[in-house]
PDB file of N, CA and C in Angstrom:
ATOM      1  N   MET A   1     -30.854 -27.703 -22.234  1.00  0.00           N
ATOM      2  CA  MET A   1     -30.779 -28.752 -23.235  1.00  0.00           C
ATOM      3  C   MET A   1     -31.638 -29.926 -22.784  1.00  0.00           C
ATOM      4  N   LYS A   2     -32.137 -30.660 -23.761  1.00  0.00           N
ATOM      5  CA  LYS A   2     -32.975 -31.829 -23.499  1.00  0.00           C
ATOM      6  C   LYS A   2     -32.446 -33.025 -24.281  1.00  0.00           C
ATOM      7  N   MET A   3     -32.626 -34.204 -23.711  1.00  0.00           N
ATOM      8  CA  MET A   3     -32.360 -35.455 -24.409  1.00  0.00           C
ATOM      9  C   MET A   3     -33.719 -36.082 -24.671  1.00  0.00           C
ATOM     10  N   ILE A   4     -34.023 -36.272 -25.947  1.00  0.00           N
ATOM     11  CA  ILE A   4     -35.288 -36.869 -26.343  1.00  0.00           C
ATOM     12  C   ILE A   4     -35.020 -38.305 -26.780  1.00  0.00           C
ATOM     13  N   VAL A   5     -35.737 -39.228 -26.167  1.00  0.00           N
ATOM     14  CA  VAL A   5     -35.635 -40.643 -26.511  1.00  0.00           C
ATOM     15  C   VAL A   5     -37.007 -41.088 -26.996  1.00  0.00           C
ATOM     16  N   ALA A   6     -37.059 -41.595 -28.209  1.00  0.00           N
ATOM     17  CA  ALA A   6     -38.322 -42.059 -28.780  1.00  0.00           C
ATOM     18  C   ALA A   6     -38.184 -43.517 -29.179  1.00  0.00           C
ATOM     19  N   ILE A   7     -39.190 -44.309 -28.823  1.00  0.00           N
ATOM     20  CA  ILE A   7     -39.246 -45.717 -29.206  1.00  0.00           C
ATOM     21  C   ILE A   7     -40.436 -45.850 -30.160  1.00  0.00           C
ATOM     22  N   VAL A   8     -40.172 -46.267 -31.410  1.00  0.00           N
ATOM     23  CA  VAL A   8     -41.221 -46.332 -32.429  1.00  0.00           C
ATOM     24  C   VAL A   8     -41.167 -47.657 -33.180  1.00  0.00           C
ATOM     25  N   LYS A   9     -42.198 -47.885 -33.986  1.00  0.00           N
ATOM     26  CA  LYS A   9     -42.239 -49.082 -34.837  1.00  0.00           C
ATOM     27  C   LYS A   9     -41.182 -48.957 -35.945  1.00  0.00           C
ATOM     28  N   PRO A  10     -40.534 -50.064 -36.306  1.00  0.00           N
ATOM     29  CA  PRO A  10     -39.515 -50.011 -37.365  1.00  0.00           C
ATOM     30  C   PRO A  10     -40.034 -49.467 -38.697  1.00  0.00           C
ATOM     31  N   ALA A  11     -41.296 -49.696 -38.998  1.00  0.00           N
ATOM     32  CA  ALA A  11     -41.854 -49.275 -40.284  1.00  0.00           C
ATOM     33  C   ALA A  11     -41.854 -47.763 -40.477  1.00  0.00           C
ATOM     34  N   VAL A  12     -41.786 -46.994 -39.395  1.00  0.00           N
ATOM     35  CA  VAL A  12     -41.844 -45.531 -39.518  1.00  0.00           C
ATOM     36  C   VAL A  12     -40.471 -44.869 -39.400  1.00  0.00           C
ATOM     37  N   THR A  13     -39.419 -45.649 -39.323  1.00  0.00           N
ATOM     38  CA  THR A  13     -38.063 -45.112 -39.109  1.00  0.00           C
ATOM     39  C   THR A  13     -37.684 -44.060 -40.138  1.00  0.00           C
ATOM     40  N   GLU A  14     -37.780 -44.387 -41.406  1.00  0.00           N
ATOM     41  CA  GLU A  14     -37.379 -43.444 -42.464  1.00  0.00           C
ATOM     42  C   GLU A  14     -38.250 -42.194 -42.460  1.00  0.00           C
ATOM     43  N   ALA A  15     -39.545 -42.369 -42.235  1.00  0.00           N
ATOM     44  CA  ALA A  15     -40.452 -41.220 -42.212  1.00  0.00           C
ATOM     45  C   ALA A  15     -40.107 -40.283 -41.062  1.00  0.00           C
ATOM     46  N   VAL A  16     -39.785 -40.830 -39.899  1.00  0.00           N
ATOM     47  CA  VAL A  16     -39.401 -40.006 -38.749  1.00  0.00           C
ATOM     48  C   VAL A  16     -38.089 -39.278 -39.039  1.00  0.00           C
ATOM     49  N   MET A  17     -37.124 -39.979 -39.603  1.00  0.00           N
ATOM     50  CA  MET A  17     -35.846 -39.338 -39.929  1.00  0.00           C
ATOM     51  C   MET A  17     -36.034 -38.206 -40.933  1.00  0.00           C
ATOM     52  N   ASP A  18     -36.856 -38.418 -41.950  1.00  0.00           N
ATOM     53  CA  ASP A  18     -37.119 -37.383 -42.949  1.00  0.00           C
ATOM     54  C   ASP A  18     -37.823 -36.180 -42.324  1.00  0.00           C
ATOM     55  N   ALA A  19     -38.798 -36.434 -41.462  1.00  0.00           N
ATOM     56  CA  ALA A  19     -39.542 -35.348 -40.816  1.00  0.00           C
ATOM     57  C   ALA A  19     -38.633 -34.545 -39.892  1.00  0.00           C
ATOM     58  N   LEU A  20     -37.731 -35.215 -39.195  1.00  0.00           N
ATOM     59  CA  LEU A  20     -36.786 -34.505 -38.326  1.00  0.00           C
ATOM     60  C   LEU A  20     -35.824 -33.653 -39.154  1.00  0.00           C
ATOM     61  N   ALA A  21     -35.381 -34.178 -40.288  1.00  0.00           N
ATOM     62  CA  ALA A  21     -34.490 -33.412 -41.168  1.00  0.00           C
ATOM     63  C   ALA A  21     -35.191 -32.151 -41.679  1.00  0.00           C
ATOM     64  N   GLU A  22     -36.495 -32.252 -41.951  1.00  0.00           N
ATOM     65  CA  GLU A  22     -37.259 -31.103 -42.438  1.00  0.00           C
ATOM     66  C   GLU A  22     -37.332 -29.965 -41.420  1.00  0.00           C
ATOM     67  N   ILE A  23     -37.275 -30.294 -40.123  1.00  0.00           N
ATOM     68  CA  ILE A  23     -37.308 -29.235 -39.102  1.00  0.00           C
ATOM     69  C   ILE A  23     -35.904 -28.859 -38.624  1.00  0.00           C
ATOM     70  N   GLY A  24     -34.880 -29.366 -39.326  1.00  0.00           N
ATOM     71  CA  GLY A  24     -33.516 -28.949 -39.049  1.00  0.00           C
ATOM     72  C   GLY A  24     -32.736 -29.788 -38.053  1.00  0.00           C
ATOM     73  N   ILE A  25     -33.229 -30.969 -37.733  1.00  0.00           N
ATOM     74  CA  ILE A  25     -32.505 -31.850 -36.810  1.00  0.00           C
ATOM     75  C   ILE A  25     -31.543 -32.703 -37.625  1.00  0.00           C
ATOM     76  N   SER A  26     -30.258 -32.517 -37.401  1.00  0.00           N
ATOM     77  CA  SER A  26     -29.269 -33.243 -38.194  1.00  0.00           C
ATOM     78  C   SER A  26     -28.519 -34.293 -37.387  1.00  0.00           C
ATOM     79  N   GLY A  27     -28.458 -34.142 -36.078  1.00  0.00           N
ATOM     80  CA  GLY A  27     -27.719 -35.091 -35.258  1.00  0.00           C
ATOM     81  C   GLY A  27     -28.639 -35.963 -34.441  1.00  0.00           C
ATOM     82  N   LEU A  28     -28.535 -37.269 -34.643  1.00  0.00           N
ATOM     83  CA  LEU A  28     -29.342 -38.196 -33.859  1.00  0.00           C
ATOM     84  C   LEU A  28     -28.685 -39.565 -33.866  1.00  0.00           C
ATOM     85  N   THR A  29     -29.107 -40.389 -32.938  1.00  0.00           N
ATOM     86  CA  THR A  29     -28.639 -41.770 -32.861  1.00  0.00           C
ATOM     87  C   THR A  29     -29.851 -42.668 -33.019  1.00  0.00           C
ATOM     88  N   VAL A  30     -29.725 -43.703 -33.838  1.00  0.00           N
ATOM     89  CA  VAL A  30     -30.816 -44.639 -34.074  1.00  0.00           C
ATOM     90  C   VAL A  30     -30.314 -46.049 -33.764  1.00  0.00           C
ATOM     91  N   SER A  31     -31.089 -46.789 -32.957  1.00  0.00           N
ATOM     92  CA  SER A  31     -30.720 -48.156 -32.576  1.00  0.00           C
ATOM     93  C   SER A  31     -31.903 -49.085 -32.786  1.00  0.00           C
ATOM     94  N   GLU A  32     -31.619 -50.311 -33.192  1.00  0.00           N
ATOM     95  CA  GLU A  32     -32.654 -51.333 -33.246  1.00  0.00           C
ATOM     96  C   GLU A  32     -32.714 -51.980 -31.867  1.00  0.00           C
ATOM     97  N   VAL A  33     -33.908 -51.996 -31.283  1.00  0.00           N
ATOM     98  CA  VAL A  33     -34.083 -52.538 -29.941  1.00  0.00           C
ATOM     99  C   VAL A  33     -35.286 -53.484 -29.931  1.00  0.00           C
ATOM    100  N   LYS A  34     -35.486 -54.174 -28.809  1.00  0.00           N
ATOM    101  CA  LYS A  34     -36.653 -55.031 -28.626  1.00  0.00           C
ATOM    102  C   LYS A  34     -37.274 -54.698 -27.285  1.00  0.00           C
ATOM    103  N   GLY A  35     -38.599 -54.839 -27.214  1.00  0.00           N
ATOM    104  CA  GLY A  35     -39.279 -54.589 -25.959  1.00  0.00           C
ATOM    105  C   GLY A  35     -40.758 -54.858 -26.093  1.00  0.00           C
ATOM    106  N   HIS A  36     -41.490 -54.554 -25.023  1.00  0.00           N
ATOM    107  CA  HIS A  36     -42.942 -54.675 -25.079  1.00  0.00           C
ATOM    108  C   HIS A  36     -43.554 -53.709 -24.086  1.00  0.00           C
ATOM    109  N   GLY A  37     -44.774 -53.361 -24.345  1.00  0.00           N
ATOM    110  CA  GLY A  37     -45.541 -52.494 -23.457  1.00  0.00           C
ATOM    111  C   GLY A  37     -46.713 -53.274 -22.912  1.00  0.00           C
ATOM    112  N   ARG A  38     -47.864 -52.627 -22.900  1.00  0.00           N
ATOM    113  CA  ARG A  38     -49.062 -53.270 -22.366  1.00  0.00           C
ATOM    114  C   ARG A  38     -49.451 -54.532 -23.106  1.00  0.00           C
ATOM    115  N   GLN A  39     -49.143 -54.589 -24.412  1.00  0.00           N
ATOM    116  CA  GLN A  39     -49.591 -55.741 -25.185  1.00  0.00           C
ATOM    117  C   GLN A  39     -48.797 -57.000 -24.854  1.00  0.00           C
ATOM    118  N   LYS A  40     -47.703 -56.888 -24.155  1.00  0.00           N
ATOM    119  CA  LYS A  40     -46.887 -58.035 -23.735  1.00  0.00           C
ATOM    120  C   LYS A  40     -46.485 -58.935 -24.900  1.00  0.00           C
ATOM    121  N   GLY A  41     -46.167 -58.319 -26.019  1.00  0.00           N
ATOM    122  CA  GLY A  41     -45.737 -59.087 -27.180  1.00  0.00           C
ATOM    123  C   GLY A  41     -46.893 -59.368 -28.122  1.00  0.00           C
ATOM    124  N   GLN A  42     -46.701 -60.360 -28.975  1.00  0.00           N
ATOM    125  CA  GLN A  42     -47.718 -60.684 -29.963  1.00  0.00           C
ATOM    126  C   GLN A  42     -47.653 -62.161 -30.303  1.00  0.00           C
ATOM    127  N   THR A  43     -48.740 -62.688 -30.840  1.00  0.00           N
ATOM    128  CA  THR A  43     -48.802 -64.082 -31.259  1.00  0.00           C
ATOM    129  C   THR A  43     -48.493 -64.149 -32.748  1.00  0.00           C
ATOM    130  N   GLU A  44     -47.607 -65.064 -33.114  1.00  0.00           N
ATOM    131  CA  GLU A  44     -47.262 -65.250 -34.523  1.00  0.00           C
ATOM    132  C   GLU A  44     -47.407 -66.719 -34.887  1.00  0.00           C
ATOM    133  N   ILE A  45     -47.505 -66.976 -36.191  1.00  0.00           N
ATOM    134  CA  ILE A  45     -47.609 -68.355 -36.676  1.00  0.00           C
ATOM    135  C   ILE A  45     -46.397 -68.640 -37.554  1.00  0.00           C
ATOM    136  N   TYR A  46     -45.707 -69.739 -37.243  1.00  0.00           N
ATOM    137  CA  TYR A  46     -44.537 -70.149 -38.014  1.00  0.00           C
ATOM    138  C   TYR A  46     -44.707 -71.617 -38.366  1.00  0.00           C
ATOM    139  N   ARG A  47     -44.739 -71.915 -39.658  1.00  0.00           N
ATOM    140  CA  ARG A  47     -44.915 -73.289 -40.157  1.00  0.00           C
ATOM    141  C   ARG A  47     -46.122 -73.975 -39.514  1.00  0.00           C
ATOM    142  N   GLY A  48     -47.198 -73.214 -39.404  1.00  0.00           N
ATOM    143  CA  GLY A  48     -48.443 -73.768 -38.893  1.00  0.00           C
ATOM    144  C   GLY A  48     -48.561 -73.807 -37.379  1.00  0.00           C
ATOM    145  N   ALA A  49     -47.484 -73.520 -36.672  1.00  0.00           N
ATOM    146  CA  ALA A  49     -47.523 -73.542 -35.206  1.00  0.00           C
ATOM    147  C   ALA A  49     -47.611 -72.113 -34.672  1.00  0.00           C
ATOM    148  N   GLU A  50     -48.485 -71.916 -33.715  1.00  0.00           N
ATOM    149  CA  GLU A  50     -48.651 -70.594 -33.104  1.00  0.00           C
ATOM    150  C   GLU A  50     -47.712 -70.480 -31.907  1.00  0.00           C
ATOM    151  N   TYR A  51     -47.030 -69.345 -31.796  1.00  0.00           N
ATOM    152  CA  TYR A  51     -46.166 -69.126 -30.646  1.00  0.00           C
ATOM    153  C   TYR A  51     -46.199 -67.662 -30.232  1.00  0.00           C
ATOM    154  N   GLN A  52     -45.838 -67.405 -28.997  1.00  0.00           N
ATOM    155  CA  GLN A  52     -45.891 -66.064 -28.428  1.00  0.00           C
ATOM    156  C   GLN A  52     -44.522 -65.394 -28.536  1.00  0.00           C
ATOM    157  N   VAL A  53     -44.477 -64.198 -29.125  1.00  0.00           N
ATOM    158  CA  VAL A  53     -43.262 -63.390 -29.186  1.00  0.00           C
ATOM    159  C   VAL A  53     -43.404 -62.318 -28.107  1.00  0.00           C
ATOM    160  N   THR A  54     -42.578 -62.369 -27.075  1.00  0.00           N
ATOM    161  CA  THR A  54     -42.733 -61.435 -25.961  1.00  0.00           C
ATOM    162  C   THR A  54     -41.962 -60.139 -26.155  1.00  0.00           C
ATOM    163  N   LEU A  55     -40.934 -60.157 -26.979  1.00  0.00           N
ATOM    164  CA  LEU A  55     -40.171 -58.942 -27.255  1.00  0.00           C
ATOM    165  C   LEU A  55     -40.366 -58.555 -28.718  1.00  0.00           C
ATOM    166  N   VAL A  56     -40.934 -57.382 -28.919  1.00  0.00           N
ATOM    167  CA  VAL A  56     -41.277 -56.895 -30.253  1.00  0.00           C
ATOM    168  C   VAL A  56     -40.164 -55.968 -30.752  1.00  0.00           C
ATOM    169  N   PRO A  57     -39.757 -56.082 -32.025  1.00  0.00           N
ATOM    170  CA  PRO A  57     -38.734 -55.176 -32.564  1.00  0.00           C
ATOM    171  C   PRO A  57     -39.230 -53.726 -32.585  1.00  0.00           C
ATOM    172  N   LYS A  58     -38.363 -52.814 -32.167  1.00  0.00           N
ATOM    173  CA  LYS A  58     -38.649 -51.380 -32.159  1.00  0.00           C
ATOM    174  C   LYS A  58     -37.400 -50.637 -32.609  1.00  0.00           C
ATOM    175  N   VAL A  59     -37.536 -49.337 -32.826  1.00  0.00           N
ATOM    176  CA  VAL A  59     -36.397 -48.489 -33.158  1.00  0.00           C
ATOM    177  C   VAL A  59     -36.337 -47.372 -32.122  1.00  0.00           C
ATOM    178  N   ARG A  60     -35.144 -47.116 -31.616  1.00  0.00           N
ATOM    179  CA  ARG A  60     -34.937 -46.100 -30.583  1.00  0.00           C
ATOM    180  C   ARG A  60     -34.164 -44.924 -31.175  1.00  0.00           C
ATOM    181  N   PHE A  61     -34.747 -43.743 -31.056  1.00  0.00           N
ATOM    182  CA  PHE A  61     -34.094 -42.503 -31.468  1.00  0.00           C
ATOM    183  C   PHE A  61     -33.609 -41.787 -30.219  1.00  0.00           C
ATOM    184  N   GLU A  62     -32.390 -41.267 -30.258  1.00  0.00           N
ATOM    185  CA  GLU A  62     -31.872 -40.425 -29.192  1.00  0.00           C
ATOM    186  C   GLU A  62     -31.405 -39.126 -29.829  1.00  0.00           C
ATOM    187  N   ILE A  63     -31.951 -37.998 -29.331  1.00  0.00           N
ATOM    188  CA  ILE A  63     -31.684 -36.705 -29.948  1.00  0.00           C
ATOM    189  C   ILE A  63     -31.435 -35.679 -28.855  1.00  0.00           C
ATOM    190  N   ALA A  64     -30.273 -35.045 -28.872  1.00  0.00           N
ATOM    191  CA  ALA A  64     -29.970 -33.953 -27.941  1.00  0.00           C
ATOM    192  C   ALA A  64     -30.307 -32.636 -28.635  1.00  0.00           C
ATOM    193  N   VAL A  65     -31.134 -31.806 -27.979  1.00  0.00           N
ATOM    194  CA  VAL A  65     -31.587 -30.554 -28.592  1.00  0.00           C
ATOM    195  C   VAL A  65     -31.605 -29.424 -27.573  1.00  0.00           C
ATOM    196  N   GLU A  66     -31.681 -28.197 -28.100  1.00  0.00           N
ATOM    197  CA  GLU A  66     -31.880 -27.019 -27.259  1.00  0.00           C
ATOM    198  C   GLU A  66     -33.299 -27.051 -26.692  1.00  0.00           C
ATOM    199  N   ASP A  67     -33.487 -26.460 -25.536  1.00  0.00           N
ATOM    200  CA  ASP A  67     -34.809 -26.411 -24.913  1.00  0.00           C
ATOM    201  C   ASP A  67     -35.864 -25.831 -25.852  1.00  0.00           C
ATOM    202  N   ALA A  68     -35.487 -24.825 -26.624  1.00  0.00           N
ATOM    203  CA  ALA A  68     -36.441 -24.109 -27.480  1.00  0.00           C
ATOM    204  C   ALA A  68     -37.053 -24.984 -28.569  1.00  0.00           C
ATOM    205  N   VAL A  69     -36.369 -26.032 -29.001  1.00  0.00           N
ATOM    206  CA  VAL A  69     -36.889 -26.868 -30.091  1.00  0.00           C
ATOM    207  C   VAL A  69     -37.406 -28.221 -29.613  1.00  0.00           C
ATOM    208  N   ALA A  70     -37.309 -28.503 -28.333  1.00  0.00           N
ATOM    209  CA  ALA A  70     -37.698 -29.814 -27.810  1.00  0.00           C
ATOM    210  C   ALA A  70     -39.156 -30.145 -28.113  1.00  0.00           C
ATOM    211  N   ASP A  71     -40.062 -29.203 -27.870  1.00  0.00           N
ATOM    212  CA  ASP A  71     -41.489 -29.467 -28.128  1.00  0.00           C
ATOM    213  C   ASP A  71     -41.754 -29.736 -29.607  1.00  0.00           C
ATOM    214  N   SER A  72     -41.070 -29.014 -30.475  1.00  0.00           N
ATOM    215  CA  SER A  72     -41.224 -29.213 -31.910  1.00  0.00           C
ATOM    216  C   SER A  72     -40.762 -30.612 -32.324  1.00  0.00           C
ATOM    217  N   VAL A  73     -39.665 -31.072 -31.745  1.00  0.00           N
ATOM    218  CA  VAL A  73     -39.145 -32.408 -32.048  1.00  0.00           C
ATOM    219  C   VAL A  73     -40.127 -33.478 -31.570  1.00  0.00           C
ATOM    220  N   VAL A  74     -40.640 -33.324 -30.356  1.00  0.00           N
ATOM    221  CA  VAL A  74     -41.604 -34.288 -29.817  1.00  0.00           C
ATOM    222  C   VAL A  74     -42.863 -34.329 -30.687  1.00  0.00           C
ATOM    223  N   ASP A  75     -43.372 -33.173 -31.073  1.00  0.00           N
ATOM    224  CA  ASP A  75     -44.566 -33.119 -31.921  1.00  0.00           C
ATOM    225  C   ASP A  75     -44.324 -33.784 -33.273  1.00  0.00           C
ATOM    226  N   THR A  76     -43.163 -33.514 -33.854  1.00  0.00           N
ATOM    227  CA  THR A  76     -42.830 -34.092 -35.156  1.00  0.00           C
ATOM    228  C   THR A  76     -42.766 -35.610 -35.079  1.00  0.00           C
ATOM    229  N   ILE A  77     -42.100 -36.126 -34.044  1.00  0.00           N
ATOM    230  CA  ILE A  77     -41.998 -37.578 -33.894  1.00  0.00           C
ATOM    231  C   ILE A  77     -43.379 -38.187 -33.681  1.00  0.00           C
ATOM    232  N   SER A  78     -44.158 -37.607 -32.786  1.00  0.00           N
ATOM    233  CA  SER A  78     -45.457 -38.204 -32.468  1.00  0.00           C
ATOM    234  C   SER A  78     -46.410 -38.177 -33.665  1.00  0.00           C
ATOM    235  N   LYS A  79     -46.415 -37.103 -34.416  1.00  0.00           N
ATOM    236  CA  LYS A  79     -47.289 -37.030 -35.595  1.00  0.00           C
ATOM    237  C   LYS A  79     -46.842 -38.008 -36.676  1.00  0.00           C
ATOM    238  N   THR A  80     -45.543 -38.126 -36.877  1.00  0.00           N
ATOM    239  CA  THR A  80     -45.026 -38.982 -37.941  1.00  0.00           C
ATOM    240  C   THR A  80     -45.140 -40.460 -37.596  1.00  0.00           C
ATOM    241  N   ALA A  81     -44.936 -40.822 -36.332  1.00  0.00           N
ATOM    242  CA  ALA A  81     -44.921 -42.225 -35.933  1.00  0.00           C
ATOM    243  C   ALA A  81     -46.300 -42.783 -35.599  1.00  0.00           C
ATOM    244  N   SER A  82     -47.295 -41.926 -35.483  1.00  0.00           N
ATOM    245  CA  SER A  82     -48.616 -42.375 -35.058  1.00  0.00           C
ATOM    246  C   SER A  82     -49.356 -43.118 -36.162  1.00  0.00           C
ATOM    247  N   THR A  83     -49.804 -44.334 -35.827  1.00  0.00           N
ATOM    248  CA  THR A  83     -50.672 -45.095 -36.725  1.00  0.00           C
ATOM    249  C   THR A  83     -52.059 -45.250 -36.103  1.00  0.00           C
ATOM    250  N   GLY A  84     -52.168 -44.888 -34.828  1.00  0.00           N
ATOM    251  CA  GLY A  84     -53.429 -45.043 -34.121  1.00  0.00           C
ATOM    252  C   GLY A  84     -53.649 -46.441 -33.581  1.00  0.00           C
ATOM    253  N   LYS A  85     -52.643 -47.280 -33.711  1.00  0.00           N
ATOM    254  CA  LYS A  85     -52.763 -48.659 -33.251  1.00  0.00           C
ATOM    255  C   LYS A  85     -51.860 -48.895 -32.049  1.00  0.00           C
ATOM    256  N   ILE A  86     -52.165 -49.949 -31.336  1.00  0.00           N
ATOM    257  CA  ILE A  86     -51.368 -50.301 -30.160  1.00  0.00           C
ATOM    258  C   ILE A  86     -49.917 -50.543 -30.570  1.00  0.00           C
ATOM    259  N   GLY A  87     -48.982 -50.126 -29.743  1.00  0.00           N
ATOM    260  CA  GLY A  87     -47.571 -50.346 -30.021  1.00  0.00           C
ATOM    261  C   GLY A  87     -46.898 -49.244 -30.820  1.00  0.00           C
ATOM    262  N   ASP A  88     -47.566 -48.091 -30.986  1.00  0.00           N
ATOM    263  CA  ASP A  88     -46.959 -46.979 -31.726  1.00  0.00           C
ATOM    264  C   ASP A  88     -45.673 -46.488 -31.062  1.00  0.00           C
ATOM    265  N   GLY A  89     -45.586 -46.590 -29.747  1.00  0.00           N
ATOM    266  CA  GLY A  89     -44.352 -46.229 -29.061  1.00  0.00           C
ATOM    267  C   GLY A  89     -44.536 -45.149 -28.023  1.00  0.00           C
ATOM    268  N   LYS A  90     -43.401 -44.615 -27.585  1.00  0.00           N
ATOM    269  CA  LYS A  90     -43.379 -43.584 -26.551  1.00  0.00           C
ATOM    270  C   LYS A  90     -42.267 -42.589 -26.866  1.00  0.00           C
ATOM    271  N   VAL A  91     -42.401 -41.368 -26.302  1.00  0.00           N
ATOM    272  CA  VAL A  91     -41.355 -40.354 -26.395  1.00  0.00           C
ATOM    273  C   VAL A  91     -41.065 -39.885 -24.976  1.00  0.00           C
ATOM    274  N   PHE A  92     -39.794 -39.868 -24.609  1.00  0.00           N
ATOM    275  CA  PHE A  92     -39.357 -39.423 -23.293  1.00  0.00           C
ATOM    276  C   PHE A  92     -38.496 -38.181 -23.463  1.00  0.00           C
ATOM    277  N   VAL A  93     -38.674 -37.197 -22.593  1.00  0.00           N
ATOM    278  CA  VAL A  93     -37.874 -35.974 -22.629  1.00  0.00           C
ATOM    279  C   VAL A  93     -37.200 -35.824 -21.271  1.00  0.00           C
ATOM    280  N   MET A  94     -35.864 -35.726 -21.288  1.00  0.00           N
ATOM    281  CA  MET A  94     -35.089 -35.616 -20.058  1.00  0.00           C
ATOM    282  C   MET A  94     -34.187 -34.398 -20.117  1.00  0.00           C
ATOM    283  N   ASP A  95     -33.913 -33.809 -18.966  1.00  0.00           N
ATOM    284  CA  ASP A  95     -32.949 -32.711 -18.907  1.00  0.00           C
ATOM    285  C   ASP A  95     -31.558 -33.264 -19.200  1.00  0.00           C
ATOM    286  N   LEU A  96     -30.801 -32.515 -19.977  1.00  0.00           N
ATOM    287  CA  LEU A  96     -29.430 -32.884 -20.318  1.00  0.00           C
ATOM    288  C   LEU A  96     -28.521 -31.852 -19.687  1.00  0.00           C
ATOM    289  N   SER A  97     -27.753 -32.266 -18.700  1.00  0.00           N
ATOM    290  CA  SER A  97     -26.968 -31.293 -17.938  1.00  0.00           C
ATOM    291  C   SER A  97     -25.707 -30.839 -18.659  1.00  0.00           C
ATOM    292  N   SER A  98     -25.139 -31.688 -19.514  1.00  0.00           N
ATOM    293  CA  SER A  98     -23.904 -31.303 -20.184  1.00  0.00           C
ATOM    294  C   SER A  98     -23.707 -32.151 -21.439  1.00  0.00           C
ATOM    295  N   ALA A  99     -22.980 -31.587 -22.393  1.00  0.00           N
ATOM    296  CA  ALA A  99     -22.606 -32.310 -23.608  1.00  0.00           C
ATOM    297  C   ALA A  99     -21.245 -31.814 -24.058  1.00  0.00           C
ATOM    298  N   MET A 100     -20.481 -32.693 -24.718  1.00  0.00           N
ATOM    299  CA  MET A 100     -19.173 -32.285 -25.222  1.00  0.00           C
ATOM    300  C   MET A 100     -18.898 -32.977 -26.543  1.00  0.00           C
ATOM    301  N   ARG A 101     -18.450 -32.204 -27.533  1.00  0.00           N
ATOM    302  CA  ARG A 101     -18.007 -32.768 -28.813  1.00  0.00           C
ATOM    303  C   ARG A 101     -16.548 -33.165 -28.618  1.00  0.00           C
ATOM    304  N   ILE A 102     -16.258 -34.437 -28.743  1.00  0.00           N
ATOM    305  CA  ILE A 102     -14.920 -34.953 -28.448  1.00  0.00           C
ATOM    306  C   ILE A 102     -13.864 -34.347 -29.362  1.00  0.00           C
ATOM    307  N   ARG A 103     -14.153 -34.244 -30.646  1.00  0.00           N
ATOM    308  CA  ARG A 103     -13.157 -33.765 -31.608  1.00  0.00           C
ATOM    309  C   ARG A 103     -12.656 -32.362 -31.302  1.00  0.00           C
ATOM    310  N   THR A 104     -13.571 -31.445 -30.964  1.00  0.00           N
ATOM    311  CA  THR A 104     -13.192 -30.038 -30.803  1.00  0.00           C
ATOM    312  C   THR A 104     -13.147 -29.568 -29.349  1.00  0.00           C
ATOM    313  N   GLY A 105     -13.749 -30.343 -28.459  1.00  0.00           N
ATOM    314  CA  GLY A 105     -13.816 -29.927 -27.070  1.00  0.00           C
ATOM    315  C   GLY A 105     -14.959 -28.959 -26.796  1.00  0.00           C
ATOM    316  N   GLU A 106     -15.770 -28.648 -27.828  1.00  0.00           N
ATOM    317  CA  GLU A 106     -16.910 -27.750 -27.627  1.00  0.00           C
ATOM    318  C   GLU A 106     -17.863 -28.375 -26.625  1.00  0.00           C
ATOM    319  N   ARG A 107     -18.511 -27.488 -25.849  1.00  0.00           N
ATOM    320  CA  ARG A 107     -19.401 -27.980 -24.799  1.00  0.00           C
ATOM    321  C   ARG A 107     -20.818 -27.431 -24.975  1.00  0.00           C
ATOM    322  N   ASP A 108     -21.736 -28.170 -24.413  1.00  0.00           N
ATOM    323  CA  ASP A 108     -23.140 -27.812 -24.302  1.00  0.00           C
ATOM    324  C   ASP A 108     -23.755 -27.405 -25.646  1.00  0.00           C
ATOM    325  N   SER A 109     -24.317 -26.214 -25.766  1.00  0.00           N
ATOM    326  CA  SER A 109     -25.036 -25.818 -26.984  1.00  0.00           C
ATOM    327  C   SER A 109     -24.166 -25.950 -28.237  1.00  0.00           C
ATOM    328  N   GLU A 110     -22.909 -25.545 -28.149  1.00  0.00           N
ATOM    329  CA  GLU A 110     -22.025 -25.634 -29.310  1.00  0.00           C
ATOM    330  C   GLU A 110     -21.761 -27.095 -29.694  1.00  0.00           C
ATOM    331  N   ALA A 111     -21.800 -27.975 -28.736  1.00  0.00           N
ATOM    332  CA  ALA A 111     -21.517 -29.392 -29.010  1.00  0.00           C
ATOM    333  C   ALA A 111     -22.673 -30.087 -29.693  1.00  0.00           C
ATOM    334  N   ILE A 112     -23.908 -29.667 -29.439  1.00  0.00           N
ATOM    335  CA  ILE A 112     -25.052 -30.372 -30.033  1.00  0.00           C
ATOM    336  C   ILE A 112     -25.552 -29.745 -31.308  1.00  0.00           C
ATOM    337  N   ASN A 113     -25.123 -28.559 -31.618  1.00  0.00           N
ATOM    338  CA  ASN A 113     -25.511 -27.922 -32.879  1.00  0.00           C
ATOM    339  C   ASN A 113     -24.539 -28.278 -33.973  1.00  0.00           C
ATOM    340  N   ALA A 114     -25.055 -28.440 -35.185  1.00  0.00           N
ATOM    341  CA  ALA A 114     -24.251 -28.909 -36.314  1.00  0.00           C
ATOM    342  C   ALA A 114     -23.064 -28.047 -36.609  1.00  0.00           C
TER     343      ALA A 114
END
């Protein structure tokens, strides 16, 4: 099993969710987060004054999947979230040693499948 964590621009949230649904991914967690990468934030203008925003709004997806579909999920996210501009985000893939569905007590593969 793998845990996929993707950090993307807020504007692509719905498109990523729709694309994941099309490949059969039904369980995921989505959080609004803030952060920055190489660009170290951005300059904005408010009421004529310029100021530096160091933490940029992003959306974080967390998806637990079987090993066999992990590459497909990563490809889907990267293709859907890509604008070709700085700040598109990152995708991280980590080994997931165990999972449990609290309601039923199912573990591992049975716990992450719908």
